[in-house]
C-alpha atoms as a PDB file:
ATOM      1  CA  MET A   1       0.980  19.770  12.308  1.00  0.00           C
ATOM      2  CA  ASN A   2      -1.215  22.305  14.086  1.00  0.00           C
ATOM      3  CA  GLN A   3      -4.574  20.700  14.735  1.00  0.00           C
ATOM      4  CA  GLN A   4      -6.357  23.775  13.391  1.00  0.00           C
ATOM      5  CA  GLN A   5      -4.813  23.078   9.988  1.00  0.00           C
ATOM      6  CA  LEU A   6      -6.122  19.555   9.581  1.00  0.00           C
ATOM      7  CA  PRO A   7      -8.608  19.159   6.723  1.00  0.00           C
ATOM      8  CA  ASN A   8     -12.118  18.056   7.588  1.00  0.00           C
ATOM      9  CA  TRP A   9     -11.623  14.552   6.189  1.00  0.00           C
ATOM     10  CA  ALA A  10      -8.733  13.970   8.634  1.00  0.00           C
ATOM     11  CA  TYR A  11     -10.915  14.830  11.643  1.00  0.00           C
ATOM     12  CA  ARG A  12     -13.669  12.548  10.336  1.00  0.00           C
ATOM     13  CA  TYR A  13     -11.192   9.716   9.678  1.00  0.00           C
ATOM     14  CA  LEU A  14      -9.985  10.011  13.289  1.00  0.00           C
ATOM     15  CA  GLU A  15     -13.585  10.124  14.453  1.00  0.00           C
ATOM     16  CA  ARG A  16     -14.286   6.825  12.701  1.00  0.00           C
ATOM     17  CA  LEU A  17     -11.357   5.332  14.621  1.00  0.00           C
ATOM     18  CA  ASN A  18     -12.551   6.881  17.893  1.00  0.00           C
ATOM     19  CA  LEU A  19      -9.332   8.883  18.142  1.00  0.00           C
ATOM     20  CA  THR A  20      -8.365  12.514  18.622  1.00  0.00           C
ATOM     21  CA  PRO A  21      -5.285  14.149  17.070  1.00  0.00           C
ATOM     22  CA  PRO A  22      -2.157  13.395  19.122  1.00  0.00           C
ATOM     23  CA  SER A  23      -0.047  16.196  20.556  1.00  0.00           C
ATOM     24  CA  THR A  24       3.113  14.523  19.261  1.00  0.00           C
ATOM     25  CA  ALA A  25       3.965  11.767  16.792  1.00  0.00           C
ATOM     26  CA  SER A  26       4.555   9.024  19.355  1.00  0.00           C
ATOM     27  CA  TYR A  27       4.946   5.263  19.201  1.00  0.00           C
ATOM     28  CA  GLU A  28       2.068   4.901  21.669  1.00  0.00           C
ATOM     29  CA  PHE A  29      -0.405   6.685  19.393  1.00  0.00           C
ATOM     30  CA  LEU A  30       0.844   4.699  16.400  1.00  0.00           C
ATOM     31  CA  GLU A  31       0.161   1.437  18.229  1.00  0.00           C
ATOM     32  CA  LEU A  32      -3.323   2.595  19.234  1.00  0.00           C
ATOM     33  CA  PHE A  33      -3.952   3.761  15.663  1.00  0.00           C
ATOM     34  CA  SER A  34      -2.964   0.315  14.388  1.00  0.00           C
ATOM     35  CA  LYS A  35      -5.287  -1.556  16.730  1.00  0.00           C
ATOM     36  CA  ARG A  36      -8.230   0.730  16.019  1.00  0.00           C
ATOM     37  CA  HIS A  37      -7.675   0.501  12.271  1.00  0.00           C
ATOM     38  CA  LEU A  38      -7.664  -3.297  12.240  1.00  0.00           C
ATOM     39  CA  SER A  39     -10.658  -3.632  14.548  1.00  0.00           C
ATOM     40  CA  ILE A  40     -12.901  -0.948  13.012  1.00  0.00           C
ATOM     41  CA  LEU A  41     -12.083  -0.811   9.294  1.00  0.00           C
ATOM     42  CA  PRO A  42     -12.392  -4.231   7.654  1.00  0.00           C
ATOM     43  CA  PHE A  43     -10.096  -5.677   5.058  1.00  0.00           C
ATOM     44  CA  GLU A  44     -12.726  -6.214   2.367  1.00  0.00           C
ATOM     45  CA  ASN A  45     -13.337  -6.292  -1.361  1.00  0.00           C
ATOM     46  CA  VAL A  46     -17.017  -5.322  -1.190  1.00  0.00           C
ATOM     47  CA  SER A  47     -16.025  -1.724  -1.876  1.00  0.00           C
ATOM     48  CA  LYS A  48     -13.679  -2.812  -4.667  1.00  0.00           C
ATOM     49  CA  LEU A  49     -16.440  -4.738  -6.427  1.00  0.00           C
ATOM     50  CA  ILE A  50     -18.758  -1.742  -6.157  1.00  0.00           C
ATOM     51  CA  TYR A  51     -16.069   0.685  -7.325  1.00  0.00           C
ATOM     52  CA  SER A  52     -15.411  -1.640 -10.274  1.00  0.00           C
ATOM     53  CA  THR A  53     -18.776  -0.639 -11.711  1.00  0.00           C
ATOM     54  CA  ARG A  54     -17.512   2.958 -11.908  1.00  0.00           C
ATOM     55  CA  ASN A  55     -14.306   2.408 -13.871  1.00  0.00           C
ATOM     56  CA  ASN A  56     -12.687   5.561 -15.154  1.00  0.00           C
ATOM     57  CA  SER A  57     -10.742   5.934 -18.384  1.00  0.00           C
ATOM     58  CA  ASN A  58      -7.733   4.154 -16.835  1.00  0.00           C
ATOM     59  CA  GLY A  59      -9.783   1.025 -16.262  1.00  0.00           C
ATOM     60  CA  TYR A  60     -10.105   1.242 -12.494  1.00  0.00           C
ATOM     61  CA  TYR A  61     -11.596   3.469  -9.834  1.00  0.00           C
ATOM     62  CA  ILE A  62      -9.899   4.738  -6.678  1.00  0.00           C
ATOM     63  CA  PRO A  63     -12.030   7.023  -4.508  1.00  0.00           C
ATOM     64  CA  SER A  64     -10.838  10.445  -3.454  1.00  0.00           C
ATOM     65  CA  VAL A  65      -9.841  10.704   0.188  1.00  0.00           C
ATOM     66  CA  GLU A  66     -13.042  12.632   0.892  1.00  0.00           C
ATOM     67  CA  GLU A  67     -15.198   9.918  -0.710  1.00  0.00           C
ATOM     68  CA  TYR A  68     -13.191   7.222   1.062  1.00  0.00           C
ATOM     69  CA  VAL A  69     -13.806   8.786   4.476  1.00  0.00           C
ATOM     70  CA  ASP A  70     -17.496   9.426   3.713  1.00  0.00           C
ATOM     71  CA  ASN A  71     -17.902   5.749   2.880  1.00  0.00           C
ATOM     72  CA  LEU A  72     -16.245   4.659   6.132  1.00  0.00           C
ATOM     73  CA  PHE A  73     -19.358   6.038   7.810  1.00  0.00           C
ATOM     74  CA  LYS A  74     -22.010   5.540   5.139  1.00  0.00           C
ATOM     75  CA  TYR A  75     -21.215   1.955   4.115  1.00  0.00           C
ATOM     76  CA  ASP A  76     -18.830   0.613   6.809  1.00  0.00           C
ATOM     77  CA  PHE A  77     -16.204   0.299   4.077  1.00  0.00           C
ATOM     78  CA  GLY A  78     -12.564  -0.469   4.692  1.00  0.00           C
ATOM     79  CA  GLY A  79     -10.818  -1.730   1.579  1.00  0.00           C
ATOM     80  CA  THR A  80      -7.787  -3.556   0.262  1.00  0.00           C
ATOM     81  CA  CYS A  81      -4.155  -2.442   0.463  1.00  0.00           C
ATOM     82  CA  PHE A  82      -4.382   0.016  -2.446  1.00  0.00           C
ATOM     83  CA  VAL A  83      -6.904   2.105  -0.511  1.00  0.00           C
ATOM     84  CA  LEU A  84      -6.334   1.365   3.179  1.00  0.00           C
ATOM     85  CA  ASN A  85      -2.589   1.972   3.306  1.00  0.00           C
ATOM     86  CA  PRO A  86      -2.288   5.083   1.088  1.00  0.00           C
ATOM     87  CA  TYR A  87      -5.005   6.935   2.973  1.00  0.00           C
ATOM     88  CA  ALA A  88      -3.639   5.838   6.354  1.00  0.00           C
ATOM     89  CA  LEU A  89      -0.268   7.229   5.262  1.00  0.00           C
ATOM     90  CA  GLN A  90      -1.877  10.529   4.213  1.00  0.00           C
ATOM     91  CA  LEU A  91      -3.480  10.883   7.629  1.00  0.00           C
ATOM     92  CA  LEU A  92      -0.356   9.909   9.559  1.00  0.00           C
ATOM     93  CA  THR A  93       1.698  12.394   7.549  1.00  0.00           C
ATOM     94  CA  LEU A  94      -0.721  15.177   8.491  1.00  0.00           C
ATOM     95  CA  LEU A  95      -0.373  14.118  12.136  1.00  0.00           C
ATOM     96  CA  GLY A  96       3.374  14.665  11.972  1.00  0.00           C
ATOM     97  CA  TYR A  97       4.690  11.199  11.193  1.00  0.00           C
ATOM     98  CA  ASP A  98       7.610  10.702   8.825  1.00  0.00           C
ATOM     99  CA  CYS A  99       6.425   7.795   6.678  1.00  0.00           C
ATOM    100  CA  TYR A 100       6.610   6.389   3.177  1.00  0.00           C
ATOM    101  CA  HIS A 101       5.412   3.446   1.111  1.00  0.00           C
ATOM    102  CA  VAL A 102       7.292   0.269   0.276  1.00  0.00           C
ATOM    103  CA  ARG A 103       6.415  -2.329  -2.314  1.00  0.00           C
ATOM    104  CA  LEU A 104       6.052  -5.983  -1.368  1.00  0.00           C
ATOM    105  CA  GLY A 105       6.212  -8.315  -4.332  1.00  0.00           C
ATOM    106  CA  GLU A 106       4.321  -7.085  -7.378  1.00  0.00           C
ATOM    107  CA  SER A 107       0.958  -6.321  -5.837  1.00  0.00           C
ATOM    108  CA  HIS A 108       1.165  -5.109  -2.238  1.00  0.00           C
ATOM    109  CA  ILE A 109       1.789  -1.679  -0.749  1.00  0.00           C
ATOM    110  CA  ALA A 110       2.689  -1.081   2.916  1.00  0.00           C
ATOM    111  CA  ILE A 111       3.977   1.727   5.141  1.00  0.00           C
ATOM    112  CA  LEU A 112       7.286   2.383   6.887  1.00  0.00           C
ATOM    113  CA  VAL A 113       7.509   4.974   9.648  1.00  0.00           C
ATOM    114  CA  GLN A 114      10.549   6.695  11.127  1.00  0.00           C
ATOM    115  CA  LEU A 115      10.264   8.014  14.696  1.00  0.00           C
ATOM    116  CA  PRO A 116      12.758  10.155  16.628  1.00  0.00           C
ATOM    117  CA  ASP A 117      12.583   7.616  19.462  1.00  0.00           C
ATOM    118  CA  PHE A 118      13.968   4.950  17.097  1.00  0.00           C
ATOM    119  CA  PRO A 119      16.512   6.886  14.988  1.00  0.00           C
ATOM    120  CA  ASP A 120      18.291   3.829  13.597  1.00  0.00           C
ATOM    121  CA  GLU A 121      15.312   1.802  12.412  1.00  0.00           C
ATOM    122  CA  ARG A 122      12.056   1.903  10.495  1.00  0.00           C
ATOM    123  CA  LEU A 123       8.704   0.607  11.743  1.00  0.00           C
ATOM    124  CA  TYR A 124       6.386  -1.462   9.544  1.00  0.00           C
ATOM    125  CA  LEU A 125       2.638  -0.772   9.353  1.00  0.00           C
ATOM    126  CA  ASP A 126       0.098  -2.601   7.213  1.00  0.00           C
ATOM    127  CA  PHE A 127      -3.687  -2.371   7.291  1.00  0.00           C
ATOM    128  CA  GLY A 128      -4.332  -4.076   3.974  1.00  0.00           C
ATOM    129  CA  SER A 129      -3.054  -7.642   4.297  1.00  0.00           C
ATOM    130  CA  ALA A 130      -5.705  -9.314   6.496  1.00  0.00           C
ATOM    131  CA  ALA A 131      -2.855  -9.890   8.943  1.00  0.00           C
ATOM    132  CA  PRO A 132      -2.526  -9.007  12.643  1.00  0.00           C
ATOM    133  CA  ILE A 133      -0.127  -6.080  12.244  1.00  0.00           C
ATOM    134  CA  MET A 134      -1.637  -4.663  15.422  1.00  0.00           C
ATOM    135  CA  LYS A 135       1.457  -2.671  16.351  1.00  0.00           C
ATOM    136  CA  PRO A 136       4.338  -0.967  14.536  1.00  0.00           C
ATOM    137  CA  VAL A 137       6.722  -3.845  13.815  1.00  0.00           C
ATOM    138  CA  ARG A 138      10.369  -3.092  14.681  1.00  0.00           C
ATOM    139  CA  PHE A 139      11.669  -5.482  12.049  1.00  0.00           C
ATOM    140  CA  GLU A 140      15.210  -4.030  11.959  1.00  0.00           C
ATOM    141  CA  ASN A 141      15.666  -4.587  15.691  1.00  0.00           C
ATOM    142  CA  MET A 142      14.679  -8.284  15.675  1.00  0.00           C
ATOM    143  CA  GLN A 143      11.324  -7.454  17.290  1.00  0.00           C
ATOM    144  CA  ASN A 144       9.970  -8.609  13.986  1.00  0.00           C
ATOM    145  CA  SER A 145       6.788 -10.442  14.900  1.00  0.00           C
ATOM    146  CA  SER A 146       3.158  -9.438  15.331  1.00  0.00           C
ATOM    147  CA  SER A 147       0.529 -12.030  16.166  1.00  0.00           C
ATOM    148  CA  PHE A 148      -3.027 -12.555  17.313  1.00  0.00           C
ATOM    149  CA  GLY A 149      -4.643 -15.895  17.950  1.00  0.00           C
ATOM    150  CA  ALA A 150      -3.543 -18.473  15.408  1.00  0.00           C
ATOM    151  CA  ASP A 151      -1.952 -15.920  13.059  1.00  0.00           C
ATOM    152  CA  ASP A 152       1.659 -14.797  13.315  1.00  0.00           C
ATOM    153  CA  ILE A 153       3.477 -12.476  10.917  1.00  0.00           C
ATOM    154  CA  GLN A 154       7.271 -12.277  10.976  1.00  0.00           C
ATOM    155  CA  LEU A 155       9.409  -9.895   8.924  1.00  0.00           C
ATOM    156  CA  ILE A 156      12.543 -11.942   8.411  1.00  0.00           C
ATOM    157  CA  PRO A 157      15.805 -10.930   6.690  1.00  0.00           C
ATOM    158  CA  ASP A 158      15.928 -12.472   3.226  1.00  0.00           C
ATOM    159  CA  ASP A 159      18.815 -14.937   2.878  1.00  0.00           C
ATOM    160  CA  GLU A 160      18.870 -14.542  -0.895  1.00  0.00           C
ATOM    161  CA  GLN A 161      18.591 -10.749  -1.257  1.00  0.00           C
ATOM    162  CA  GLN A 162      20.807  -8.547   0.865  1.00  0.00           C
ATOM    163  CA  GLY A 163      18.906  -5.717   2.519  1.00  0.00           C
ATOM    164  CA  PHE A 164      15.495  -7.306   1.837  1.00  0.00           C
ATOM    165  CA  TYR A 165      12.980  -8.696   4.320  1.00  0.00           C
ATOM    166  CA  ARG A 166      10.338 -11.370   3.798  1.00  0.00           C
ATOM    167  CA  PHE A 167       6.771 -11.021   5.006  1.00  0.00           C
ATOM    168  CA  THR A 168       6.362 -14.513   6.448  1.00  0.00           C
ATOM    169  CA  ARG A 169       3.002 -15.840   7.566  1.00  0.00           C
ATOM    170  CA  PHE A 170       2.459 -18.631  10.088  1.00  0.00           C
ATOM    171  CA  ARG A 171      -0.841 -20.101  11.253  1.00  0.00           C
ATOM    172  CA  HIS A 172      -1.168 -22.421  14.225  1.00  0.00           C
ATOM    173  CA  GLY A 173       2.631 -22.352  14.328  1.00  0.00           C
ATOM    174  CA  LYS A 174       2.945 -23.742  10.810  1.00  0.00           C
ATOM    175  CA  PHE A 175       4.511 -21.948   7.862  1.00  0.00           C
ATOM    176  CA  VAL A 176       1.937 -20.663   5.352  1.00  0.00           C
ATOM    177  CA  ASN A 177       3.874 -18.541   2.845  1.00  0.00           C
ATOM    178  CA  ASN A 178       6.551 -15.867   2.356  1.00  0.00           C
ATOM    179  CA  HIS A 179       5.784 -14.698  -1.170  1.00  0.00           C
ATOM    180  CA  TRP A 180       6.327 -10.995  -0.421  1.00  0.00           C
ATOM    181  CA  SER A 181       9.686  -9.319   0.087  1.00  0.00           C
ATOM    182  CA  PHE A 182      10.651  -5.667   0.404  1.00  0.00           C
ATOM    183  CA  ASN A 183      13.668  -3.422   0.696  1.00  0.00           C
ATOM    184  CA  PRO A 184      13.145  -0.683   3.304  1.00  0.00           C
ATOM    185  CA  ASN A 185      15.568   1.584   1.462  1.00  0.00           C
ATOM    186  CA  ILE A 186      13.487   1.619  -1.736  1.00  0.00           C
ATOM    187  CA  ARG A 187      10.686   4.146  -1.407  1.00  0.00           C
ATOM    188  CA  SER A 188       7.554   3.815  -3.510  1.00  0.00           C
ATOM    189  CA  LYS A 189       4.723   6.136  -4.460  1.00  0.00           C
ATOM    190  CA  VAL A 190       1.112   5.218  -5.085  1.00  0.00           C
ATOM    191  CA  GLY A 191       1.583   6.002  -8.770  1.00  0.00           C
ATOM    192  CA  ASP A 192       4.156   3.210  -8.987  1.00  0.00           C
ATOM    193  CA  PHE A 193       1.282   0.754  -8.516  1.00  0.00           C
ATOM    194  CA  ASP A 194      -0.899   1.914 -11.412  1.00  0.00           C
ATOM    195  CA  GLU A 195      -0.306  -1.258 -13.419  1.00  0.00           C
ATOM    196  CA  ALA A 196      -0.854  -3.515 -10.389  1.00  0.00           C
ATOM    197  CA  ILE A 197      -4.067  -1.681  -9.498  1.00  0.00           C
ATOM    198  CA  HIS A 198      -5.260  -1.970 -13.081  1.00  0.00           C
ATOM    199  CA  LYS A 199      -4.616  -5.727 -13.036  1.00  0.00           C
ATOM    200  CA  SER A 200      -6.416  -6.081  -9.725  1.00  0.00           C
ATOM    201  CA  TYR A 201      -9.634  -5.071 -11.504  1.00  0.00           C
ATOM    202  CA  SER A 202      -9.309  -7.747 -14.199  1.00  0.00           C
ATOM    203  CA  LYS A 203     -12.245 -10.160 -14.339  1.00  0.00           C
ATOM    204  CA  ASP A 204     -10.031 -13.067 -13.271  1.00  0.00           C
ATOM    205  CA  ALA A 205      -8.216 -11.178 -10.480  1.00  0.00           C
ATOM    206  CA  VAL A 206      -8.424 -12.569  -6.951  1.00  0.00           C
ATOM    207  CA  PHE A 207     -10.676  -9.882  -5.527  1.00  0.00           C
ATOM    208  CA  MET A 208     -12.944  -9.866  -8.573  1.00  0.00           C
ATOM    209  CA  THR A 209     -13.747 -13.566  -8.273  1.00  0.00           C
ATOM    210  CA  ARG A 210     -14.632 -13.988  -4.590  1.00  0.00           C
ATOM    211  CA  LEU A 211     -16.118 -12.264  -1.580  1.00  0.00           C
ATOM    212  CA  ARG A 212     -13.483 -11.544   1.062  1.00  0.00           C
ATOM    213  CA  VAL A 213     -13.864  -9.753   4.411  1.00  0.00           C
ATOM    214  CA  ASN A 214     -11.596  -9.909   7.456  1.00  0.00           C
ATOM    215  CA  LEU A 215     -11.893  -8.129  10.797  1.00  0.00           C
ATOM    216  CA  PHE A 216      -9.965  -8.394  14.070  1.00  0.00           C
ATOM    217  CA  GLN A 217     -12.150  -8.053  17.156  1.00  0.00           C
ATOM    218  CA  PHE A 218      -9.579  -7.615  19.891  1.00  0.00           C
ATOM    219  CA  ASP A 219     -12.185  -6.819  22.539  1.00  0.00           C
ATOM    220  CA  LYS A 220     -13.844 -10.181  21.881  1.00  0.00           C
ATOM    221  CA  GLY A 221     -10.583 -12.066  21.469  1.00  0.00           C
ATOM    222  CA  ARG A 222     -11.329 -13.295  17.968  1.00  0.00           C
ATOM    223  CA  THR A 223     -10.869 -12.840  14.234  1.00  0.00           C
ATOM    224  CA  LEU A 224     -13.668 -13.056  11.670  1.00  0.00           C
ATOM    225  CA  SER A 225     -12.766 -14.160   8.153  1.00  0.00           C
ATOM    226  CA  LEU A 226     -15.276 -14.586   5.349  1.00  0.00           C
ATOM    227  CA  ILE A 227     -14.339 -16.161   2.019  1.00  0.00           C
ATOM    228  CA  ASN A 228     -17.368 -16.450  -0.232  1.00  0.00           C
ATOM    229  CA  ASN A 229     -19.990 -18.168   1.949  1.00  0.00           C
ATOM    230  CA  LYS A 230     -17.545 -19.674   4.487  1.00  0.00           C
ATOM    231  CA  LEU A 231     -17.141 -17.797   7.755  1.00  0.00           C
ATOM    232  CA  THR A 232     -14.234 -18.759  10.007  1.00  0.00           C
ATOM    233  CA  ILE A 233     -14.205 -17.472  13.576  1.00  0.00           C
ATOM    234  CA  THR A 234     -10.811 -17.923  15.229  1.00  0.00           C
ATOM    235  CA  THR A 235     -10.394 -17.126  18.913  1.00  0.00           C
ATOM    236  CA  SER A 236      -7.265 -15.955  20.706  1.00  0.00           C
ATOM    237  CA  ASP A 237      -6.818 -19.458  22.189  1.00  0.00           C
ATOM    238  CA  HIS A 238      -6.605 -20.862  18.617  1.00  0.00           C
ATOM    239  CA  GLN A 239     -10.067 -22.413  18.538  1.00  0.00           C
ATOM    240  CA  GLU A 240     -11.933 -22.267  15.237  1.00  0.00           C
ATOM    241  CA  VAL A 241     -15.574 -22.375  14.268  1.00  0.00           C
ATOM    242  CA  VAL A 242     -16.454 -22.662  10.573  1.00  0.00           C
ATOM    243  CA  LEU A 243     -19.922 -21.795   9.301  1.00  0.00           C
ATOM    244  CA  LYS A 244     -21.309 -22.283   5.808  1.00  0.00           C
ATOM    245  CA  LEU A 245     -23.808 -19.551   4.998  1.00  0.00           C
ATOM    246  CA  LYS A 246     -26.673 -20.734   2.841  1.00  0.00           C
ATOM    247  CA  ASP A 247     -28.019 -17.532   1.265  1.00  0.00           C
ATOM    248  CA  THR A 248     -27.642 -13.763   0.940  1.00  0.00           C
ATOM    249  CA  GLU A 249     -29.953 -13.081   3.875  1.00  0.00           C
ATOM    250  CA  GLU A 250     -27.744 -15.154   6.152  1.00  0.00           C
ATOM    251  CA  VAL A 251     -24.635 -13.332   4.926  1.00  0.00           C
ATOM    252  CA  GLU A 252     -26.272  -9.976   5.645  1.00  0.00           C
ATOM    253  CA  SER A 253     -27.282 -11.182   9.094  1.00  0.00           C
ATOM    254  CA  ILE A 254     -23.713 -12.225   9.890  1.00  0.00           C
ATOM    255  CA  PHE A 255     -22.416  -8.776   8.976  1.00  0.00           C
ATOM    256  CA  SER A 256     -24.985  -7.096  11.148  1.00  0.00           C
ATOM    257  CA  GLU A 257     -24.738  -9.392  14.169  1.00  0.00           C
ATOM    258  CA  GLU A 258     -21.148 -10.701  14.153  1.00  0.00           C
ATOM    259  CA  PHE A 259     -18.996  -8.269  12.169  1.00  0.00           C
ATOM    260  CA  MET A 260     -21.050  -5.339  13.512  1.00  0.00           C
ATOM    261  CA  LEU A 261     -20.916  -3.779  10.039  1.00  0.00           C
ATOM    262  CA  PRO A 262     -24.641  -3.437   9.277  1.00  0.00           C
ATOM    263  CA  ASN A 263     -24.162  -0.920   6.456  1.00  0.00           C
ATOM    264  CA  LEU A 264     -21.715  -2.974   4.397  1.00  0.00           C
ATOM    265  CA  PRO A 265     -23.562  -3.571   1.081  1.00  0.00           C
ATOM    266  CA  VAL A 266     -22.729  -7.266   0.761  1.00  0.00           C
ATOM    267  CA  ARG A 267     -25.902  -8.029  -1.213  1.00  0.00           C
ATOM    268  CA  LYS A 268     -24.787  -5.652  -3.948  1.00  0.00           C
ATOM    269  CA  ALA A 269     -21.309  -7.208  -3.976  1.00  0.00           C
ATOM    270  CA  ILE A 270     -22.775 -10.713  -4.220  1.00  0.00           C
ATOM    271  CA  ASN A 271     -24.884  -9.634  -7.194  1.00  0.00           C
ATOM    272  CA  ILE A 272     -21.872  -8.045  -8.903  1.00  0.00           C
ATOM    273  CA  LEU A 273     -19.889 -11.251  -8.443  1.00  0.00           C
ATOM    274  CA  ARG A 274     -22.768 -13.246  -9.901  1.00  0.00           C
ATOM    275  CA  ASP A 275     -22.814 -10.949 -12.939  1.00  0.00           C
ATOM    276  CA  LEU A 276     -19.063 -11.551 -13.291  1.00  0.00           C
ATOM    277  CA  GLY A 277     -19.596 -15.313 -13.226  1.00  0.00           C
ATOM    278  CA  THR A 278     -19.050 -16.223  -9.562  1.00  0.00           C
ATOM    279  CA  ASP A 279     -21.854 -17.586  -7.399  1.00  0.00           C
ATOM    280  CA  ILE A 280     -20.370 -17.468  -3.891  1.00  0.00           C
ATOM    281  CA  PHE A 281     -22.730 -20.211  -2.706  1.00  0.00           C
ATOM    282  CA  HIS A 282     -21.526 -22.706  -5.342  1.00  0.00           C
ATOM    283  CA  VAL A 283     -17.741 -22.374  -5.441  1.00  0.00           C
ATOM    284  CA  GLU A 284     -14.858 -23.992  -3.598  1.00  0.00           C
ATOM    285  CA  ASN A 285     -13.478 -21.719  -0.867  1.00  0.00           C
ATOM    286  CA  SER A 286      -9.778 -21.306  -0.262  1.00  0.00           C
END
């Protein structure tokens, strides 16, 4: 697409990622886009909790792309899969990439990309799974792994469903889970997830009952993962440091000094969770 035709939100989105529009839809730009996305925009449910207070008539709130991009700057928001991946796909489409959504399990949306350089395969992208998909994964060509530090994701052919692949997670070399599967030939649209999105805002849903933020800091060789008041820092050599945060002030300090996301309104999210019945300082983390 001619750069002059890009809408303002697309330029601002690229600005947040410290990128400029590519001249062509290349693998190299897609890999850089992936790394920047994972290291700048957090996987987080702070925004989801705040959006939950603005439910529309359908029972949930999804920001417009303009509001989404504004909040990348204003609040250091990222999001969960239902926001991160659809808007990444919108931007990549404007930049000339041939891409579409696929459904993993009942509640996850990801992106497949087709490039002229790889005419016989699709590439897997995912910015909303708190996983190190730091490059386009060539899962149909057996280059089906993407890893960082202790975390390794493999997209493995499903033995029980022909044509399907399983999103398989390993940590420290040990199997964690493979609950999600997808068929690359079945295209999905965001509207196909209306029911799943609605359920994700239920009071007992996973991201309505805990505080969750994940960020990959490739330049520092580490991953930051917060679940409620437990912060886990995992380095690229598989070392882990676990910190228990004692109060809201300490949580805010961690986001300013470690995550480098000083505008993320974690205090507001903590208060919303408390109103919903979860005190993040007095629950078991998982």
